[in-house]
Amino acid sequence: MSTEARQRGAPRLRRKAGVRLSMLAVAAFVAGLAIANWPAVGDRAMELLVLLGQPRLEAMQAMEEPVVGPDGIARTDWLVFFEGDAPESERSGLLDRHESVRFVDETIFANGVVVSIPDSARAVVQAIRSSPAVWLMLKDRPFYLCH
């Protein structure tokens, strides 16, 4: 095929793609209008969205539940991020002060650890959070860190 023939076909292909994109935009606009203005259509659309989101919601709710260990105690994992200048002795001392806190694992961050705390020990969570050596403390839900 000659260069001239290829060049003549290129605008036609671009035109087809442009028409398809325009049709998609118009269809999305009409669907949005229908959802916004007609309650029956809006209710059906919301039912569909709820149906599509139900598995994710159930997974997130399961992730929120505390894990009951072999000792029968419900525990939740927490991410604890220490201040960058907090010495290692202060970090370990803070966690060792509370006997209910169990070390789980290091994180990929140099100043973070994962600990397990019983759900009944809310005062321990507050005590660790209020320490000047702690920068941030939140429940260990790694999927929430990037969203």
C-alpha atoms as a PDB file:
ATOM      1  CA  MET A   1       0.000   0.000   0.000  1.00  0.00           C
ATOM      2  CA  SER A   2       1.393   3.362  -0.923  1.00  0.00           C
ATOM      3  CA  THR A   3       1.984   6.169   1.522  1.00  0.00           C
ATOM      4  CA  GLU A   4      -0.635   8.253  -0.225  1.00  0.00           C
ATOM      5  CA  ALA A   5      -3.321   5.585   0.239  1.00  0.00           C
ATOM      6  CA  ARG A   6      -2.424   5.217   3.933  1.00  0.00           C
ATOM      7  CA  GLN A   7      -2.677   8.948   4.452  1.00  0.00           C
ATOM      8  CA  ARG A   8      -6.114   9.091   2.847  1.00  0.00           C
ATOM      9  CA  GLY A   9      -7.401   6.321   5.153  1.00  0.00           C
ATOM     10  CA  ALA A  10      -6.094   7.929   8.347  1.00  0.00           C
ATOM     11  CA  PRO A  11      -8.623  10.818   8.521  1.00  0.00           C
ATOM     12  CA  ARG A  12     -11.478   8.379   7.921  1.00  0.00           C
ATOM     13  CA  LEU A  13     -10.323   6.215  10.860  1.00  0.00           C
ATOM     14  CA  ARG A  14      -9.975   9.281  13.072  1.00  0.00           C
ATOM     15  CA  ARG A  15     -13.439  10.430  12.037  1.00  0.00           C
ATOM     16  CA  LYS A  16     -14.948   7.046  12.980  1.00  0.00           C
ATOM     17  CA  ALA A  17     -13.267   7.135  16.383  1.00  0.00           C
ATOM     18  CA  GLY A  18     -14.457  10.704  16.913  1.00  0.00           C
ATOM     19  CA  VAL A  19     -18.034   9.812  16.009  1.00  0.00           C
ATOM     20  CA  ARG A  20     -17.987   6.837  18.370  1.00  0.00           C
ATOM     21  CA  LEU A  21     -16.604   8.950  21.187  1.00  0.00           C
ATOM     22  CA  SER A  22     -19.230  11.623  20.566  1.00  0.00           C
ATOM     23  CA  MET A  23     -21.995   9.013  20.594  1.00  0.00           C
ATOM     24  CA  LEU A  24     -20.670   7.628  23.869  1.00  0.00           C
ATOM     25  CA  ALA A  25     -20.605  11.114  25.401  1.00  0.00           C
ATOM     26  CA  VAL A  26     -24.183  11.797  24.276  1.00  0.00           C
ATOM     27  CA  ALA A  27     -25.358   8.439  25.647  1.00  0.00           C
ATOM     28  CA  ALA A  28     -23.664   9.148  29.001  1.00  0.00           C
ATOM     29  CA  PHE A  29     -25.275  12.605  29.109  1.00  0.00           C
ATOM     30  CA  VAL A  30     -28.740  11.198  28.364  1.00  0.00           C
ATOM     31  CA  ALA A  31     -28.296   8.449  30.965  1.00  0.00           C
ATOM     32  CA  GLY A  32     -27.230  11.041  33.556  1.00  0.00           C
ATOM     33  CA  LEU A  33     -30.235  13.191  32.727  1.00  0.00           C
ATOM     34  CA  ALA A  34     -32.576  10.207  33.048  1.00  0.00           C
ATOM     35  CA  ILE A  35     -31.094   9.213  36.405  1.00  0.00           C
ATOM     36  CA  ALA A  36     -31.280  12.772  37.736  1.00  0.00           C
ATOM     37  CA  ASN A  37     -34.797  13.610  36.544  1.00  0.00           C
ATOM     38  CA  TRP A  38     -36.836  10.413  36.661  1.00  0.00           C
ATOM     39  CA  PRO A  39     -37.035   8.840  40.122  1.00  0.00           C
ATOM     40  CA  ALA A  40     -37.865   5.365  38.771  1.00  0.00           C
ATOM     41  CA  VAL A  41     -34.738   5.352  36.597  1.00  0.00           C
ATOM     42  CA  GLY A  42     -32.633   6.839  39.396  1.00  0.00           C
ATOM     43  CA  ASP A  43     -33.885   4.233  41.877  1.00  0.00           C
ATOM     44  CA  ARG A  44     -33.082   1.411  39.456  1.00  0.00           C
ATOM     45  CA  ALA A  45     -29.605   2.834  38.827  1.00  0.00           C
ATOM     46  CA  MET A  46     -28.945   3.089  42.563  1.00  0.00           C
ATOM     47  CA  GLU A  47     -30.142  -0.505  43.075  1.00  0.00           C
ATOM     48  CA  LEU A  48     -27.686  -1.616  40.394  1.00  0.00           C
ATOM     49  CA  LEU A  49     -24.836   0.308  42.015  1.00  0.00           C
ATOM     50  CA  VAL A  50     -25.671  -1.190  45.424  1.00  0.00           C
ATOM     51  CA  LEU A  51     -25.741  -4.653  43.874  1.00  0.00           C
ATOM     52  CA  LEU A  52     -22.365  -4.090  42.213  1.00  0.00           C
ATOM     53  CA  GLY A  53     -20.823  -2.676  45.394  1.00  0.00           C
ATOM     54  CA  GLN A  54     -22.175  -5.314  47.792  1.00  0.00           C
ATOM     55  CA  PRO A  55     -19.197  -7.743  47.564  1.00  0.00           C
ATOM     56  CA  ARG A  56     -16.714  -4.935  48.248  1.00  0.00           C
ATOM     57  CA  LEU A  57     -18.800  -3.662  51.151  1.00  0.00           C
ATOM     58  CA  GLU A  58     -18.941  -7.154  52.680  1.00  0.00           C
ATOM     59  CA  ALA A  59     -15.171  -7.542  52.293  1.00  0.00           C
ATOM     60  CA  MET A  60     -14.572  -4.164  53.944  1.00  0.00           C
ATOM     61  CA  GLN A  61     -16.925  -5.024  56.811  1.00  0.00           C
ATOM     62  CA  ALA A  62     -15.150  -8.359  57.317  1.00  0.00           C
ATOM     63  CA  MET A  63     -11.837  -6.500  57.435  1.00  0.00           C
ATOM     64  CA  GLU A  64     -13.230  -4.245  60.176  1.00  0.00           C
ATOM     65  CA  GLU A  65     -14.158  -7.153  62.429  1.00  0.00           C
ATOM     66  CA  PRO A  66     -11.669  -7.971  65.197  1.00  0.00           C
ATOM     67  CA  VAL A  67      -9.979 -11.354  65.028  1.00  0.00           C
ATOM     68  CA  VAL A  68     -10.627 -13.670  67.961  1.00  0.00           C
ATOM     69  CA  GLY A  69      -7.430 -15.520  68.799  1.00  0.00           C
ATOM     70  CA  PRO A  70      -6.950 -18.962  70.357  1.00  0.00           C
ATOM     71  CA  ASP A  71      -7.016 -17.319  73.778  1.00  0.00           C
ATOM     72  CA  GLY A  72     -10.583 -16.110  73.106  1.00  0.00           C
ATOM     73  CA  ILE A  73      -9.612 -12.418  73.068  1.00  0.00           C
ATOM     74  CA  ALA A  74     -10.774 -10.226  70.161  1.00  0.00           C
ATOM     75  CA  ARG A  75      -7.792  -8.261  68.853  1.00  0.00           C
ATOM     76  CA  THR A  76      -7.281  -5.655  66.136  1.00  0.00           C
ATOM     77  CA  ASP A  77      -4.034  -4.905  64.334  1.00  0.00           C
ATOM     78  CA  TRP A  78      -2.843  -1.303  64.375  1.00  0.00           C
ATOM     79  CA  LEU A  79      -0.220   0.538  62.350  1.00  0.00           C
ATOM     80  CA  VAL A  80       1.976   2.695  64.572  1.00  0.00           C
ATOM     81  CA  PHE A  81       4.217   5.264  62.899  1.00  0.00           C
ATOM     82  CA  PHE A  82       6.823   6.854  65.126  1.00  0.00           C
ATOM     83  CA  GLU A  83       8.395  10.279  64.748  1.00  0.00           C
ATOM     84  CA  GLY A  84      11.564  10.078  62.676  1.00  0.00           C
ATOM     85  CA  ASP A  85      13.780  11.297  65.512  1.00  0.00           C
ATOM     86  CA  ALA A  86      12.303   8.989  68.198  1.00  0.00           C
ATOM     87  CA  PRO A  87      15.074   6.670  69.445  1.00  0.00           C
ATOM     88  CA  GLU A  88      14.567   2.908  69.201  1.00  0.00           C
ATOM     89  CA  SER A  89      14.635   2.575  73.007  1.00  0.00           C
ATOM     90  CA  GLU A  90      11.705   5.000  73.309  1.00  0.00           C
ATOM     91  CA  ARG A  91       9.776   3.154  70.593  1.00  0.00           C
ATOM     92  CA  SER A  92      10.161  -0.287  72.141  1.00  0.00           C
ATOM     93  CA  GLY A  93       9.693   1.103  75.668  1.00  0.00           C
ATOM     94  CA  LEU A  94       6.349   2.631  74.710  1.00  0.00           C
ATOM     95  CA  LEU A  95       5.027  -0.677  73.390  1.00  0.00           C
ATOM     96  CA  ASP A  96       6.537  -2.726  76.241  1.00  0.00           C
ATOM     97  CA  ARG A  97       4.841  -0.500  78.838  1.00  0.00           C
ATOM     98  CA  HIS A  98       1.483  -1.979  77.849  1.00  0.00           C
ATOM     99  CA  GLU A  99       1.399  -5.719  78.398  1.00  0.00           C
ATOM    100  CA  SER A 100      -1.679  -6.193  76.198  1.00  0.00           C
ATOM    101  CA  VAL A 101       0.189  -4.907  73.118  1.00  0.00           C
ATOM    102  CA  ARG A 102       1.749  -7.592  70.932  1.00  0.00           C
ATOM    103  CA  PHE A 103       4.291  -6.867  68.227  1.00  0.00           C
ATOM    104  CA  VAL A 104       3.144  -8.346  64.893  1.00  0.00           C
ATOM    105  CA  ASP A 105       5.536  -7.180  62.181  1.00  0.00           C
ATOM    106  CA  GLU A 106       7.696  -4.418  60.752  1.00  0.00           C
ATOM    107  CA  THR A 107       6.289  -2.375  57.884  1.00  0.00           C
ATOM    108  CA  ILE A 108       7.957  -1.300  54.671  1.00  0.00           C
ATOM    109  CA  PHE A 109       8.443   2.079  56.335  1.00  0.00           C
ATOM    110  CA  ALA A 110      11.441   2.501  58.627  1.00  0.00           C
ATOM    111  CA  ASN A 111       9.407   4.225  61.334  1.00  0.00           C
ATOM    112  CA  GLY A 112       6.343   1.940  61.312  1.00  0.00           C
ATOM    113  CA  VAL A 113       5.319  -1.267  63.040  1.00  0.00           C
ATOM    114  CA  VAL A 114       2.184  -3.395  63.222  1.00  0.00           C
ATOM    115  CA  VAL A 115       0.925  -4.243  66.691  1.00  0.00           C
ATOM    116  CA  SER A 116      -2.069  -6.191  67.942  1.00  0.00           C
ATOM    117  CA  ILE A 117      -4.222  -4.705  70.696  1.00  0.00           C
ATOM    118  CA  PRO A 118      -7.306  -6.228  72.360  1.00  0.00           C
ATOM    119  CA  ASP A 119     -10.524  -4.454  71.446  1.00  0.00           C
ATOM    120  CA  SER A 120     -11.302  -3.988  75.124  1.00  0.00           C
ATOM    121  CA  ALA A 121      -8.093  -1.949  75.608  1.00  0.00           C
ATOM    122  CA  ARG A 122      -9.252   1.414  74.200  1.00  0.00           C
ATOM    123  CA  ALA A 123      -7.237   3.217  76.879  1.00  0.00           C
ATOM    124  CA  VAL A 124      -4.044   1.615  75.541  1.00  0.00           C
ATOM    125  CA  VAL A 125      -4.794   2.935  72.042  1.00  0.00           C
ATOM    126  CA  GLN A 126      -5.308   6.435  73.449  1.00  0.00           C
ATOM    127  CA  ALA A 127      -2.127   6.215  75.514  1.00  0.00           C
ATOM    128  CA  ILE A 128      -0.012   5.199  72.520  1.00  0.00           C
ATOM    129  CA  ARG A 129      -1.610   7.846  70.301  1.00  0.00           C
ATOM    130  CA  SER A 130      -0.945  10.579  72.835  1.00  0.00           C
ATOM    131  CA  SER A 131       2.761   9.751  73.128  1.00  0.00           C
ATOM    132  CA  PRO A 132       5.052  12.428  71.648  1.00  0.00           C
ATOM    133  CA  ALA A 133       7.066   9.646  69.982  1.00  0.00           C
ATOM    134  CA  VAL A 134       4.069   8.566  67.869  1.00  0.00           C
ATOM    135  CA  TRP A 135       3.368  10.423  64.644  1.00  0.00           C
ATOM    136  CA  LEU A 136       0.321   8.449  63.471  1.00  0.00           C
ATOM    137  CA  MET A 137      -1.673   5.424  64.620  1.00  0.00           C
ATOM    138  CA  LEU A 138      -4.470   3.806  62.658  1.00  0.00           C
ATOM    139  CA  LYS A 139      -6.133   0.453  62.218  1.00  0.00           C
ATOM    140  CA  ASP A 140      -4.206  -1.874  59.934  1.00  0.00           C
ATOM    141  CA  ARG A 141      -6.211  -1.704  56.739  1.00  0.00           C
ATOM    142  CA  PRO A 142      -3.614  -1.623  53.986  1.00  0.00           C
ATOM    143  CA  PHE A 143      -6.196  -1.106  51.242  1.00  0.00           C
ATOM    144  CA  TYR A 144      -7.207   2.223  52.768  1.00  0.00           C
ATOM    145  CA  LEU A 145      -3.681   3.644  52.619  1.00  0.00           C
ATOM    146  CA  CYS A 146      -3.821   4.057  48.860  1.00  0.00           C
ATOM    147  CA  HIS A 147      -7.448   5.166  48.435  1.00  0.00           C
END
